[in-house]
Amino acid sequence: MSSWKSYTQDTRIAYFSMEIGLRAEIPTYSGGLGVLAGDTIKSAADLKVPMVATTLLYRKGYFEQHFNADGWQQESETSWKPENYMELLPTKTLVTIGQRDVKLQAWLYRLKSPTGGTVPILFLDTDIPGNDEEDRRITHHLYGGDLAYRLKQEVILGIGGARILKALGFEIRRYHMNEGHAALLTLELLKNSRLPVEDTWDERGSWNTRQVTDQCVFTTHTPVPAGHDRFPYPLVAETLREEISIDFLKGLAGKDEFNMTMLAMNLSRYINGVAKRHGEVSKNMFPGFEIHAITNGIHPFTWCSPYFVELFDRFLPGWANEPELLVRVDNIPDDDIWEAHTGAKALFFQYIKEKTGKTLDPELLTIGFARRAATYKRGDLIFNNLSRLLDIGAGKLQFVFGGKAHPHDNEGKQVIQRIIHQVEKMKGKIDLVYLENYNMDVASRFIPGVDLWLNNPVRPLEASGTSGMKAALNGVPNFSVLDGWWIEGHIEGVTGWSIGPPPAQIEQEAGRTDEDLDDMYQKLSEVIIPLYYTDRSSWIKVMKNAIGKNAYYFNTHVMMRRYVTEAYIR
């Protein structure tokens, strides 16, 4: 194995993300943001983009999910050994948090592509002998603890990450912040710039701020105000101490509270949302900033079921590194597409039986819904008029659900509990399974193994929605509200189906639940269920269109090429 020092010989893009999802065995992610980060890095390796990624180690992971007899989510700690997957680097650095200096070390994970590209990923860790016991726990839990704990983690990620890269000898061309969690790295860059920081906010020294801005790229992922980290200035002053003056920070991060997104936006040369619609929403949230849009994607090979990998390898060789070849999916016979899908479905149903003891009928139209159990995602919407759903779907539909609620999100836990309670209400008419502990491993079976992918968040709160892209890659049509990526990927009845009215002005999107629900039931009863059961060739045509008109474009290879040309080298 080559020395880690070989990675420092090229100028690199430094990609910072609070969470990175590479595989289920490395539980350093909670959901879409982390999985997107992992897919981004995988495509960077495939395309040989010179990148180094930085995140936190999370020795205790996110959490393992279980349900009690009443369907209430329970949490337990994850246990894993970083030394089984990565190499501890000898170099350490220090950050000051409050009154103490905190030692910081990095674990190296080498993400290697079959193309020969490699991206080094640094997992930052404060669980080091000599650190105060409280400080050793800073990198234990992803999204655990209170505001103070979160801010300490963001000091480690932003300031500590910038320092460890420098200490290791990396030469960085651009710093890419994946969400605002890493925004404190801009303060470290300011501190290292040539003029004293306090001189940079006046007109004479404005070029110094520009020097930092020229190095930074920022991607915002959330249209939900609560998703933008904000901290009271007394906490910031107590945590950062002498790093930078509070008066100066107020000019960059907001007058009333320290807003990480504002800080990142004010010190980035390029800012983007993660879908065209999300770019518009972000401009509405943060007027005055030039915000571009680069639509998210998924890593094709990671999210393709083994059955479709074999199929694509046979008919479209080279597809994994040139996903645009998927546009030729019509070269694949319908029978082969259906056989691959039924294989993926059988594999998933076997997994369900092993985990739950429940036997689902492979002949029934199976609707899947799996994502973070936040209330705005409306996981239980389809059950709002249960009698109508039973009239439509009894003997014709079955459901599989999955997804975790944040341990502190009781409303999200209530959504899960309400879904689980539908099992008894629908007994004998419609089967429903809620799978525990949804993660990358479960998702790789789940998404290809259903017939229809359901998504019905409150608009315009879906930033992108990459699970729907994973479905499309595996020939699973989307049935979704017109938000996020689906506005761009949707062709009614061709690539899938919409739920509810077309997009409206952002301020007019609220309160449209009744319209969404009525349209959902109507399309299920009049279009989707009849098509599935009475016109299999037309259903397979929609499956092929999902692959050839969606998956060929909505992938991280396309996304990464856009970042390179629009954000990194321009």
Protein backbone atom coordinates (compact mmCIF):
# COMPACT_ATOMS: atom_id res chain seq x y z
CA MET A 1 0.00 0.00 0.00
CA SER A 2 1.38 3.40 -0.97
CA SER A 3 2.18 5.94 1.72
CA TRP A 4 -0.54 8.43 2.57
CA LYS A 5 1.99 11.13 1.71
CA SER A 6 1.49 10.34 -1.98
CA TYR A 7 -1.91 12.05 -1.72
CA THR A 8 -0.25 15.36 -0.83
CA GLN A 9 1.67 15.62 -4.10
CA ASP A 10 -1.29 16.98 -6.12
CA THR A 11 -3.34 20.13 -5.53
CA ARG A 12 -6.76 18.95 -4.42
CA ILE A 13 -10.37 19.96 -3.85
CA ALA A 14 -11.12 19.68 -0.12
CA TYR A 15 -14.67 18.39 0.39
CA PHE A 16 -16.05 18.96 3.89
CA SER A 17 -19.20 17.20 5.10
CA MET A 18 -20.59 16.65 8.60
CA GLU A 19 -21.57 13.13 7.56
CA ILE A 20 -20.34 10.78 4.85
CA GLY A 21 -22.09 7.51 4.01
CA LEU A 22 -19.82 4.99 2.30
CA ARG A 23 -21.20 1.66 3.52
CA ALA A 24 -23.51 0.45 6.28
CA GLU A 25 -20.60 -0.95 8.31
CA ILE A 26 -19.16 2.56 8.71
CA PRO A 27 -22.08 4.33 10.49
CA THR A 28 -20.90 7.91 9.94
CA TYR A 29 -24.13 9.08 8.26
CA SER A 30 -27.79 9.49 9.14
CA GLY A 31 -29.51 9.86 5.78
CA GLY A 32 -29.60 11.65 2.45
CA LEU A 33 -26.93 14.30 3.13
CA GLY A 34 -24.32 11.72 4.12
CA VAL A 35 -25.19 9.25 1.39
CA LEU A 36 -25.03 12.05 -1.18
CA ALA A 37 -21.58 12.97 0.16
CA GLY A 38 -20.42 9.37 -0.17
CA ASP A 39 -21.79 9.11 -3.70
CA THR A 40 -20.09 12.39 -4.62
CA ILE A 41 -16.73 11.09 -3.42
CA LYS A 42 -17.21 7.78 -5.26
CA SER A 43 -17.84 9.60 -8.53
CA ALA A 44 -14.83 11.84 -7.88
CA ALA A 45 -12.74 8.68 -7.60
CA ASP A 46 -14.30 7.17 -10.75
CA LEU A 47 -13.61 10.37 -12.70
CA LYS A 48 -10.15 10.83 -11.11
CA VAL A 49 -11.04 14.26 -9.73
CA PRO A 50 -8.22 15.24 -7.31
CA MET A 51 -10.19 15.46 -4.07
CA VAL A 52 -9.63 14.94 -0.35
CA ALA A 53 -12.69 14.59 1.89
CA THR A 54 -13.00 15.53 5.57
CA THR A 55 -15.62 14.48 8.11
CA LEU A 56 -15.93 13.28 11.72
CA LEU A 57 -15.39 9.71 12.94
CA TYR A 58 -18.48 9.14 15.19
CA ARG A 59 -17.31 6.16 17.22
CA LYS A 60 -20.89 5.63 18.45
CA GLY A 61 -22.45 6.23 15.02
CA TYR A 62 -25.97 7.63 14.67
CA PHE A 63 -28.14 5.00 16.37
CA GLU A 64 -29.72 1.58 15.93
CA GLN A 65 -33.51 1.73 15.63
CA HIS A 66 -35.95 -0.68 17.27
CA PHE A 67 -39.69 -0.54 17.99
CA ASN A 68 -41.51 -1.47 21.17
CA ALA A 69 -44.82 -3.35 21.20
CA ASP A 70 -46.74 -0.11 20.65
CA GLY A 71 -44.67 0.93 17.60
CA TRP A 72 -42.64 3.60 19.44
CA GLN A 73 -39.06 4.07 18.22
CA GLN A 74 -36.28 3.01 20.62
CA GLU A 75 -32.60 3.86 20.13
CA SER A 76 -29.40 2.03 21.01
CA GLU A 77 -25.76 2.86 20.37
CA THR A 78 -23.88 1.54 17.37
CA SER A 79 -20.60 -0.26 17.93
CA TRP A 80 -17.88 -0.44 15.28
CA LYS A 81 -14.09 -0.46 15.04
CA PRO A 82 -12.53 2.19 12.77
CA GLU A 83 -9.24 0.27 12.70
CA ASN A 84 -11.00 -2.46 10.67
CA TYR A 85 -11.57 -0.04 7.77
CA MET A 86 -9.02 2.76 7.99
CA GLU A 87 -5.51 3.75 8.99
CA LEU A 88 -4.66 6.07 11.88
CA LEU A 89 -2.34 8.82 10.63
CA PRO A 90 0.58 9.88 12.83
CA THR A 91 0.03 13.65 12.54
CA LYS A 92 -2.07 15.46 15.13
CA THR A 93 -3.18 19.05 15.55
CA LEU A 94 -4.87 21.25 18.17
CA VAL A 95 -8.00 23.35 18.30
CA THR A 96 -9.07 25.59 21.18
CA ILE A 97 -12.59 25.02 22.46
CA GLY A 98 -13.58 27.17 25.40
CA GLN A 99 -10.77 27.14 27.95
CA ARG A 100 -9.06 24.00 26.66
CA ASP A 101 -6.83 22.89 23.83
CA VAL A 102 -8.24 19.77 22.22
CA LYS A 103 -6.00 17.30 20.41
CA LEU A 104 -7.25 16.03 17.08
CA GLN A 105 -6.18 13.04 14.99
CA ALA A 106 -7.27 11.72 11.59
CA TRP A 107 -8.10 8.26 10.31
CA LEU A 108 -7.49 7.69 6.59
CA TYR A 109 -9.98 5.77 4.45
CA ARG A 110 -8.83 5.17 0.88
CA LEU A 111 -11.80 5.16 -1.46
CA LYS A 112 -10.61 3.36 -4.58
CA SER A 113 -12.38 3.14 -7.93
CA PRO A 114 -12.03 0.38 -10.52
CA THR A 115 -10.95 3.17 -12.90
CA GLY A 116 -7.76 3.64 -10.86
CA GLY A 117 -8.84 6.85 -9.13
CA THR A 118 -8.56 7.18 -5.35
CA VAL A 119 -9.95 9.76 -2.95
CA PRO A 120 -8.47 9.92 0.55
CA ILE A 121 -11.09 10.55 3.26
CA LEU A 122 -10.02 11.94 6.64
CA PHE A 123 -12.19 10.99 9.62
CA LEU A 124 -11.45 13.40 12.47
CA ASP A 125 -11.30 12.03 16.02
CA THR A 126 -10.88 13.64 19.45
CA ASP A 127 -11.06 10.41 21.47
CA ILE A 128 -7.37 10.64 22.32
CA PRO A 129 -5.57 10.01 25.64
CA GLY A 130 -4.67 13.35 27.19
CA ASN A 131 -7.86 15.10 26.09
CA ASP A 132 -10.40 15.95 28.78
CA GLU A 133 -13.06 13.22 29.03
CA GLU A 134 -15.72 15.66 27.80
CA ASP A 135 -13.61 16.55 24.79
CA ARG A 136 -12.96 12.92 23.95
CA ARG A 137 -16.72 12.51 23.45
CA ILE A 138 -17.03 15.35 20.91
CA THR A 139 -16.66 12.96 17.96
CA HIS A 140 -18.74 10.11 19.42
CA HIS A 141 -22.31 10.79 18.25
CA LEU A 142 -23.63 12.10 14.94
CA TYR A 143 -26.26 14.77 15.62
CA GLY A 144 -26.23 13.94 19.32
CA GLY A 145 -26.30 16.29 22.28
CA ASP A 146 -27.26 19.92 22.62
CA LEU A 147 -26.34 23.15 20.79
CA ALA A 148 -23.02 23.39 22.60
CA TYR A 149 -22.09 19.85 21.55
CA ARG A 150 -23.06 20.59 17.95
CA LEU A 151 -20.96 23.76 17.88
CA LYS A 152 -17.95 21.91 19.26
CA GLN A 153 -18.32 19.32 16.50
CA GLU A 154 -18.46 22.08 13.90
CA VAL A 155 -15.28 23.60 15.34
CA ILE A 156 -13.59 20.21 14.92
CA LEU A 157 -14.91 19.79 11.37
CA GLY A 158 -14.24 23.32 10.06
CA ILE A 159 -11.27 24.68 11.99
CA GLY A 160 -9.80 21.29 12.92
CA GLY A 161 -10.30 19.93 9.40
CA ALA A 162 -8.51 22.90 7.82
CA ARG A 163 -5.65 22.54 10.31
CA ILE A 164 -5.19 18.80 9.84
CA LEU A 165 -5.07 19.22 6.06
CA LYS A 166 -2.34 21.82 6.50
CA ALA A 167 -0.46 19.73 9.06
CA LEU A 168 -0.53 16.72 6.72
CA GLY A 169 0.86 18.81 3.86
CA PHE A 170 -2.16 18.92 1.55
CA GLU A 171 -2.22 21.76 -0.96
CA ILE A 172 -5.85 22.84 -1.49
CA ARG A 173 -7.18 24.57 -4.60
CA ARG A 174 -10.81 24.90 -3.43
CA TYR A 175 -12.70 24.18 -0.22
CA HIS A 176 -16.18 22.74 -0.87
CA MET A 177 -18.54 22.97 2.12
CA ASN A 178 -21.35 20.42 1.85
CA GLU A 179 -23.91 22.27 4.02
CA GLY A 180 -23.17 24.93 6.62
CA HIS A 181 -21.75 22.58 9.27
CA ALA A 182 -18.23 23.16 7.91
CA ALA A 183 -18.49 26.95 7.62
CA LEU A 184 -16.02 27.63 10.44
CA LEU A 185 -13.24 26.60 8.09
CA THR A 186 -13.66 30.06 6.52
CA LEU A 187 -12.56 31.61 9.83
CA GLU A 188 -9.43 29.48 9.82
CA LEU A 189 -8.70 30.60 6.26
CA LEU A 190 -9.26 34.24 7.28
CA LYS A 191 -6.95 33.83 10.24
CA ASN A 192 -4.22 32.52 7.94
CA SER A 193 -4.63 35.30 5.39
CA ARG A 194 -2.04 38.03 5.25
CA LEU A 195 -3.77 40.92 7.02
CA PRO A 196 -5.10 40.84 10.60
CA VAL A 197 -8.70 39.60 10.51
CA GLU A 198 -10.06 42.78 12.12
CA ASP A 199 -8.74 44.81 9.19
CA THR A 200 -10.54 42.82 6.55
CA TRP A 201 -14.09 44.13 6.97
CA ASP A 202 -13.31 47.72 6.10
CA GLU A 203 -12.88 49.01 2.59
CA ARG A 204 -9.09 49.14 2.75
CA GLY A 205 -8.77 45.46 3.52
CA SER A 206 -11.70 44.00 1.63
CA TRP A 207 -9.35 42.18 -0.75
CA ASN A 208 -8.37 39.92 2.15
CA THR A 209 -11.90 38.58 2.59
CA ARG A 210 -11.99 38.13 -1.17
CA GLN A 211 -8.86 36.02 -0.95
CA VAL A 212 -10.75 33.57 1.27
CA THR A 213 -13.94 33.80 -0.78
CA ASP A 214 -12.04 32.85 -3.92
CA GLN A 215 -11.11 29.52 -2.32
CA CYS A 216 -14.59 28.48 -1.14
CA VAL A 217 -17.59 26.74 -2.67
CA PHE A 218 -20.81 26.20 -0.70
CA THR A 219 -23.71 23.82 -1.29
CA THR A 220 -26.89 24.35 0.71
CA HIS A 221 -29.19 21.33 0.97
CA THR A 222 -32.13 22.34 3.08
CA PRO A 223 -35.11 24.60 2.41
CA VAL A 224 -36.25 24.04 6.00
CA PRO A 225 -35.25 26.97 8.26
CA ALA A 226 -34.55 24.60 11.17
CA GLY A 227 -32.00 22.82 8.98
CA HIS A 228 -29.68 25.85 8.98
CA ASP A 229 -27.50 25.74 12.08
CA ARG A 230 -27.75 28.87 14.20
CA PHE A 231 -26.09 29.58 17.54
CA PRO A 232 -26.48 32.37 20.13
CA TYR A 233 -23.47 34.69 20.13
CA PRO A 234 -22.71 34.19 23.86
CA LEU A 235 -22.22 30.46 23.13
CA VAL A 236 -20.07 31.29 20.10
CA ALA A 237 -17.94 33.69 22.16
CA GLU A 238 -17.52 31.10 24.92
CA THR A 239 -16.63 28.31 22.48
CA LEU A 240 -14.37 30.13 20.02
CA ARG A 241 -12.71 32.43 22.57
CA GLU A 242 -10.03 34.45 20.79
CA GLU A 243 -10.36 32.91 17.33
CA ILE A 244 -12.05 36.01 15.90
CA SER A 245 -13.93 39.06 17.19
CA ILE A 246 -17.69 38.75 17.68
CA ASP A 247 -18.34 42.18 16.13
CA PHE A 248 -16.57 41.04 13.00
CA LEU A 249 -18.53 37.77 12.95
CA LYS A 250 -21.83 39.65 13.13
CA GLY A 251 -21.00 41.25 9.79
CA LEU A 252 -20.57 37.82 8.22
CA ALA A 253 -22.95 35.47 10.03
CA GLY A 254 -25.92 37.63 11.06
CA LYS A 255 -26.55 40.39 13.55
CA ASP A 256 -28.84 38.55 15.99
CA GLU A 257 -27.52 34.99 15.92
CA PHE A 258 -24.61 33.15 14.39
CA ASN A 259 -25.97 31.56 11.19
CA MET A 260 -23.59 29.01 9.65
CA THR A 261 -25.29 29.23 6.25
CA MET A 262 -24.90 33.02 6.17
CA LEU A 263 -21.23 32.70 7.12
CA ALA A 264 -20.62 30.19 4.33
CA MET A 265 -22.52 32.26 1.78
CA ASN A 266 -20.70 35.48 2.63
CA LEU A 267 -17.33 33.78 2.20
CA SER A 268 -17.92 31.60 -0.88
CA ARG A 269 -17.28 32.42 -4.52
CA TYR A 270 -19.86 29.90 -5.71
CA ILE A 271 -23.12 28.95 -3.96
CA ASN A 272 -25.59 26.35 -5.17
CA GLY A 273 -28.80 24.60 -4.26
CA VAL A 274 -29.32 20.93 -5.11
CA ALA A 275 -32.16 21.15 -7.68
CA LYS A 276 -33.48 23.94 -9.87
CA ARG A 277 -36.49 24.44 -7.61
CA HIS A 278 -34.32 24.36 -4.50
CA GLY A 279 -32.11 27.06 -6.00
CA GLU A 280 -35.20 29.27 -6.33
CA VAL A 281 -36.31 28.48 -2.77
CA SER A 282 -32.82 29.30 -1.47
CA LYS A 283 -32.83 32.66 -3.24
CA ASN A 284 -36.14 33.37 -1.57
CA MET A 285 -34.71 32.44 1.85
CA PHE A 286 -31.46 34.35 1.34
CA PRO A 287 -32.19 37.36 -0.89
CA GLY A 288 -29.21 39.21 -2.25
CA PHE A 289 -27.03 36.18 -2.90
CA GLU A 290 -26.33 34.70 -6.32
CA ILE A 291 -27.36 31.07 -5.86
CA HIS A 292 -26.91 28.58 -8.66
CA ALA A 293 -28.40 25.09 -8.95
CA ILE A 294 -26.62 21.79 -9.52
CA THR A 295 -29.10 18.95 -9.14
CA ASN A 296 -27.98 16.10 -6.91
CA GLY A 297 -27.37 12.62 -8.21
CA ILE A 298 -26.63 9.09 -7.06
CA HIS A 299 -23.60 6.88 -7.67
CA PRO A 300 -24.80 4.46 -10.35
CA PHE A 301 -22.87 1.32 -9.46
CA THR A 302 -23.50 1.65 -5.70
CA TRP A 303 -27.28 1.81 -6.05
CA CYS A 304 -27.89 -0.63 -8.89
CA SER A 305 -29.28 -4.00 -7.78
CA PRO A 306 -27.17 -7.05 -8.74
CA TYR A 307 -29.89 -8.09 -11.19
CA PHE A 308 -29.73 -4.80 -13.10
CA VAL A 309 -25.92 -4.68 -12.89
CA GLU A 310 -25.83 -7.98 -14.75
CA LEU A 311 -28.43 -6.76 -17.24
CA PHE A 312 -26.72 -3.44 -17.94
CA ASP A 313 -23.30 -5.12 -18.19
CA ARG A 314 -24.72 -7.46 -20.82
CA PHE A 315 -26.54 -4.91 -22.96
CA LEU A 316 -24.86 -1.58 -22.15
CA PRO A 317 -21.20 -2.33 -21.33
CA GLY A 318 -19.42 0.63 -19.72
CA TRP A 319 -22.62 2.04 -18.21
CA ALA A 320 -21.24 2.27 -14.66
CA ASN A 321 -18.66 4.89 -15.59
CA GLU A 322 -20.65 6.31 -18.50
CA PRO A 323 -24.21 6.33 -17.14
CA GLU A 324 -25.33 8.33 -20.15
CA LEU A 325 -25.32 4.94 -21.95
CA LEU A 326 -28.49 4.13 -20.00
CA VAL A 327 -30.35 6.25 -22.54
CA ARG A 328 -30.10 3.16 -24.79
CA VAL A 329 -32.20 1.05 -22.42
CA ASP A 330 -34.68 0.30 -25.21
CA ASN A 331 -32.07 -2.13 -26.58
CA ILE A 332 -32.90 -4.39 -23.63
CA PRO A 333 -35.88 -6.74 -24.21
CA ASP A 334 -38.92 -6.18 -22.00
CA ASP A 335 -38.77 -9.73 -20.66
CA ASP A 336 -35.21 -9.17 -19.41
CA ILE A 337 -36.20 -5.94 -17.66
CA TRP A 338 -39.11 -7.65 -15.94
CA GLU A 339 -37.01 -10.67 -14.98
CA ALA A 340 -34.38 -8.42 -13.39
CA HIS A 341 -37.09 -6.56 -11.46
CA THR A 342 -38.80 -9.72 -10.22
CA GLY A 343 -35.39 -10.99 -9.07
CA ALA A 344 -34.80 -7.82 -7.06
CA LYS A 345 -38.33 -8.04 -5.65
CA ALA A 346 -37.90 -11.68 -4.60
CA LEU A 347 -34.58 -10.86 -2.91
CA PHE A 348 -36.20 -8.04 -0.94
CA PHE A 349 -39.22 -10.10 0.06
CA GLN A 350 -36.93 -12.83 1.33
CA TYR A 351 -35.13 -10.20 3.43
CA ILE A 352 -38.48 -8.99 4.83
CA LYS A 353 -39.41 -12.56 5.79
CA GLU A 354 -36.06 -13.09 7.53
CA LYS A 355 -36.35 -9.84 9.49
CA THR A 356 -40.06 -9.74 10.31
CA GLY A 357 -41.52 -13.18 9.62
CA LYS A 358 -43.99 -11.53 7.24
CA THR A 359 -44.63 -13.09 3.81
CA LEU A 360 -45.63 -10.59 1.13
CA ASP A 361 -47.26 -11.55 -2.17
CA PRO A 362 -44.82 -11.00 -5.08
CA GLU A 363 -47.75 -10.62 -7.49
CA LEU A 364 -49.20 -7.56 -5.73
CA LEU A 365 -48.32 -3.98 -6.62
CA THR A 366 -45.89 -3.04 -3.84
CA ILE A 367 -45.46 0.62 -2.86
CA GLY A 368 -42.30 1.64 -1.04
CA PHE A 369 -41.71 4.67 1.17
CA ALA A 370 -38.43 5.06 3.06
CA ARG A 371 -36.77 8.25 4.23
CA ARG A 372 -36.04 10.23 7.37
CA ALA A 373 -39.21 10.40 9.47
CA ALA A 374 -39.53 14.19 9.62
CA THR A 375 -43.09 15.52 9.83
CA TYR A 376 -42.83 17.59 6.63
CA LYS A 377 -42.24 14.40 4.66
CA ARG A 378 -45.79 13.31 5.58
CA GLY A 379 -45.01 9.61 5.82
CA ASP A 380 -48.54 8.69 6.84
CA LEU A 381 -50.37 10.89 4.32
CA ILE A 382 -51.66 8.01 2.21
CA PHE A 383 -53.61 6.69 5.24
CA ASN A 384 -55.46 9.98 5.88
CA ASN A 385 -58.66 8.58 4.35
CA LEU A 386 -58.30 4.93 5.22
CA SER A 387 -61.73 3.84 4.02
CA ARG A 388 -61.04 5.28 0.57
CA LEU A 389 -57.61 3.64 0.46
CA LEU A 390 -59.13 0.28 1.36
CA ASP A 391 -61.76 0.69 -1.37
CA ILE A 392 -59.01 1.37 -3.88
CA GLY A 393 -56.32 -1.06 -2.77
CA ALA A 394 -57.78 -4.04 -0.88
CA GLY A 395 -56.32 -7.14 -2.49
CA LYS A 396 -54.35 -5.03 -4.96
CA LEU A 397 -51.77 -3.09 -2.90
CA GLN A 398 -49.19 -3.75 -0.21
CA PHE A 399 -46.80 -1.30 1.48
CA VAL A 400 -43.27 -1.38 2.83
CA PHE A 401 -42.05 1.56 4.94
CA GLY A 402 -38.74 2.42 6.54
CA GLY A 403 -36.87 5.34 8.05
CA LYS A 404 -35.60 6.74 11.34
CA ALA A 405 -36.78 9.72 13.36
CA HIS A 406 -34.15 11.81 15.14
CA PRO A 407 -33.96 10.67 18.79
CA HIS A 408 -35.24 14.10 19.95
CA ASP A 409 -38.00 14.34 17.33
CA ASN A 410 -41.11 13.06 19.10
CA GLU A 411 -43.38 14.29 16.30
CA GLY A 412 -41.38 12.23 13.81
CA LYS A 413 -41.67 9.22 16.11
CA GLN A 414 -45.42 9.75 16.24
CA VAL A 415 -45.57 9.60 12.41
CA ILE A 416 -43.80 6.22 12.50
CA GLN A 417 -46.11 4.96 15.24
CA ARG A 418 -49.21 6.01 13.29
CA ILE A 419 -47.94 4.12 10.23
CA ILE A 420 -47.26 0.98 12.28
CA HIS A 421 -50.73 1.19 13.80
CA GLN A 422 -52.21 0.92 10.29
CA VAL A 423 -51.14 -2.74 10.21
CA GLU A 424 -54.02 -3.76 12.48
CA LYS A 425 -56.49 -1.35 10.91
CA MET A 426 -55.89 -2.81 7.43
CA LYS A 427 -55.47 -6.43 8.50
CA GLY A 428 -56.82 -8.89 5.96
CA LYS A 429 -57.19 -6.21 3.29
CA ILE A 430 -53.82 -4.48 2.73
CA ASP A 431 -50.50 -5.72 4.12
CA LEU A 432 -47.98 -3.25 5.54
CA VAL A 433 -44.43 -3.78 6.84
CA TYR A 434 -42.31 -1.15 8.61
CA LEU A 435 -38.66 -2.26 8.53
CA GLU A 436 -36.41 -1.36 11.43
CA ASN A 437 -33.05 0.36 11.16
CA TYR A 438 -33.18 1.71 7.62
CA ASN A 439 -29.59 2.21 6.40
CA MET A 440 -27.54 1.88 3.22
CA ASP A 441 -27.58 -1.91 3.35
CA VAL A 442 -31.37 -2.08 3.80
CA ALA A 443 -31.88 0.59 1.12
CA SER A 444 -29.87 -1.39 -1.43
CA ARG A 445 -32.46 -4.20 -1.13
CA PHE A 446 -35.52 -2.04 -0.40
CA ILE A 447 -35.51 0.47 -3.26
CA PRO A 448 -35.04 -1.97 -6.18
CA GLY A 449 -37.45 -4.43 -4.57
CA VAL A 450 -40.68 -2.44 -4.73
CA ASP A 451 -42.81 -1.63 -7.77
CA LEU A 452 -43.55 2.05 -7.12
CA TRP A 453 -41.65 4.69 -5.14
CA LEU A 454 -43.87 7.04 -3.13
CA ASN A 455 -42.79 10.53 -2.04
CA ASN A 456 -45.17 13.18 -0.72
CA PRO A 457 -43.45 15.93 1.30
CA VAL A 458 -44.90 19.36 1.95
CA ARG A 459 -43.78 21.59 -0.92
CA PRO A 460 -41.37 23.32 -1.35
CA LEU A 461 -39.48 21.55 1.45
CA GLU A 462 -37.95 18.71 -0.61
CA ALA A 463 -34.51 19.98 -1.56
CA SER A 464 -33.73 17.15 -3.97
CA GLY A 465 -34.88 13.62 -3.08
CA THR A 466 -32.15 11.21 -4.12
CA SER A 467 -34.05 8.06 -3.07
CA GLY A 468 -36.29 8.60 -6.09
CA MET A 469 -33.21 8.64 -8.34
CA LYS A 470 -32.11 5.30 -6.87
CA ALA A 471 -35.55 3.92 -7.67
CA ALA A 472 -35.41 5.15 -11.27
CA LEU A 473 -32.01 3.52 -11.81
CA ASN A 474 -33.59 0.17 -10.94
CA GLY A 475 -36.64 0.68 -13.15
CA VAL A 476 -38.94 1.62 -10.26
CA PRO A 477 -41.20 4.51 -11.34
CA ASN A 478 -41.71 7.50 -9.03
CA PHE A 479 -45.09 8.62 -7.69
CA SER A 480 -44.24 11.97 -6.14
CA VAL A 481 -45.26 15.55 -5.51
CA LEU A 482 -43.68 18.00 -7.94
CA ASP A 483 -40.82 19.21 -5.80
CA GLY A 484 -37.05 18.74 -5.69
CA TRP A 485 -35.53 16.75 -8.55
CA TRP A 486 -38.91 15.30 -9.64
CA ILE A 487 -39.90 18.63 -11.23
CA GLU A 488 -36.98 18.07 -13.62
CA GLY A 489 -37.36 14.29 -14.04
CA HIS A 490 -41.14 14.00 -14.25
CA ILE A 491 -42.99 13.38 -17.51
CA GLU A 492 -46.54 12.39 -16.57
CA GLY A 493 -47.27 8.77 -17.41
CA VAL A 494 -43.89 8.44 -19.11
CA THR A 495 -41.27 8.40 -16.32
CA GLY A 496 -43.81 8.07 -13.48
CA TRP A 497 -46.64 10.10 -12.01
CA SER A 498 -47.08 13.34 -10.12
CA ILE A 499 -49.09 13.88 -6.95
CA GLY A 500 -51.13 17.05 -6.62
CA PRO A 501 -51.06 20.30 -8.56
CA PRO A 502 -48.06 21.72 -10.43
CA PRO A 503 -45.57 23.95 -8.59
CA ALA A 504 -46.93 27.32 -7.50
CA GLN A 505 -45.27 30.47 -6.24
CA ILE A 506 -43.21 29.53 -3.21
CA GLU A 507 -45.39 31.47 -0.80
CA GLN A 508 -48.51 29.70 -2.17
CA GLU A 509 -47.30 26.13 -1.62
CA ALA A 510 -48.61 25.67 1.94
CA GLY A 511 -51.93 24.04 2.78
CA ARG A 512 -52.38 21.84 -0.29
CA THR A 513 -52.67 18.51 1.53
CA ASP A 514 -56.28 17.84 0.48
CA GLU A 515 -55.42 18.39 -3.19
CA ASP A 516 -52.42 16.08 -2.91
CA LEU A 517 -54.36 13.33 -1.18
CA ASP A 518 -57.28 13.41 -3.61
CA ASP A 519 -54.95 13.27 -6.61
CA MET A 520 -52.97 10.42 -5.05
CA TYR A 521 -56.07 8.27 -4.57
CA GLN A 522 -57.48 9.13 -7.97
CA LYS A 523 -54.29 8.24 -9.87
CA LEU A 524 -53.83 5.03 -7.91
CA SER A 525 -57.37 3.84 -8.67
CA GLU A 526 -57.76 5.10 -12.24
CA VAL A 527 -54.24 4.97 -13.71
CA ILE A 528 -51.54 3.16 -11.74
CA ILE A 529 -53.32 0.05 -10.45
CA PRO A 530 -55.07 -0.69 -13.81
CA LEU A 531 -51.81 -0.20 -15.72
CA TYR A 532 -49.88 -2.56 -13.45
CA TYR A 533 -52.43 -5.36 -13.61
CA THR A 534 -53.86 -5.08 -17.12
CA ASP A 535 -51.10 -3.65 -19.35
CA ARG A 536 -47.74 -5.10 -18.33
CA SER A 537 -45.96 -3.98 -21.51
CA SER A 538 -46.95 -0.35 -20.89
CA TRP A 539 -45.81 -0.63 -17.27
CA ILE A 540 -42.43 -1.93 -18.45
CA LYS A 541 -42.25 1.00 -20.84
CA VAL A 542 -42.53 3.37 -17.86
CA MET A 543 -39.82 1.34 -16.11
CA LYS A 544 -37.54 1.73 -19.12
CA ASN A 545 -38.27 5.44 -19.32
CA ALA A 546 -37.32 5.82 -15.66
CA ILE A 547 -33.94 4.35 -16.53
CA GLY A 548 -33.41 5.96 -19.94
CA LYS A 549 -34.87 9.41 -19.23
CA ASN A 550 -34.05 9.79 -15.49
CA ALA A 551 -31.17 7.57 -14.38
CA TYR A 552 -28.95 8.44 -17.35
CA TYR A 553 -28.85 12.07 -16.12
CA PHE A 554 -29.61 12.17 -12.39
CA ASN A 555 -26.36 10.66 -11.18
CA THR A 556 -23.24 11.91 -9.42
CA HIS A 557 -21.08 11.54 -12.53
CA VAL A 558 -23.13 14.23 -14.27
CA MET A 559 -23.27 16.24 -11.04
CA MET A 560 -19.52 16.02 -10.42
CA ARG A 561 -18.66 17.14 -13.96
CA ARG A 562 -20.81 20.22 -13.36
CA TYR A 563 -19.09 20.98 -10.05
CA VAL A 564 -15.71 20.71 -11.74
CA THR A 565 -16.54 23.01 -14.65
CA GLU A 566 -18.82 25.50 -12.86
CA ALA A 567 -17.44 25.66 -9.30
CA TYR A 568 -13.93 24.21 -9.04
CA ILE A 569 -11.96 25.38 -12.06
CA ARG A 570 -13.87 28.45 -13.24
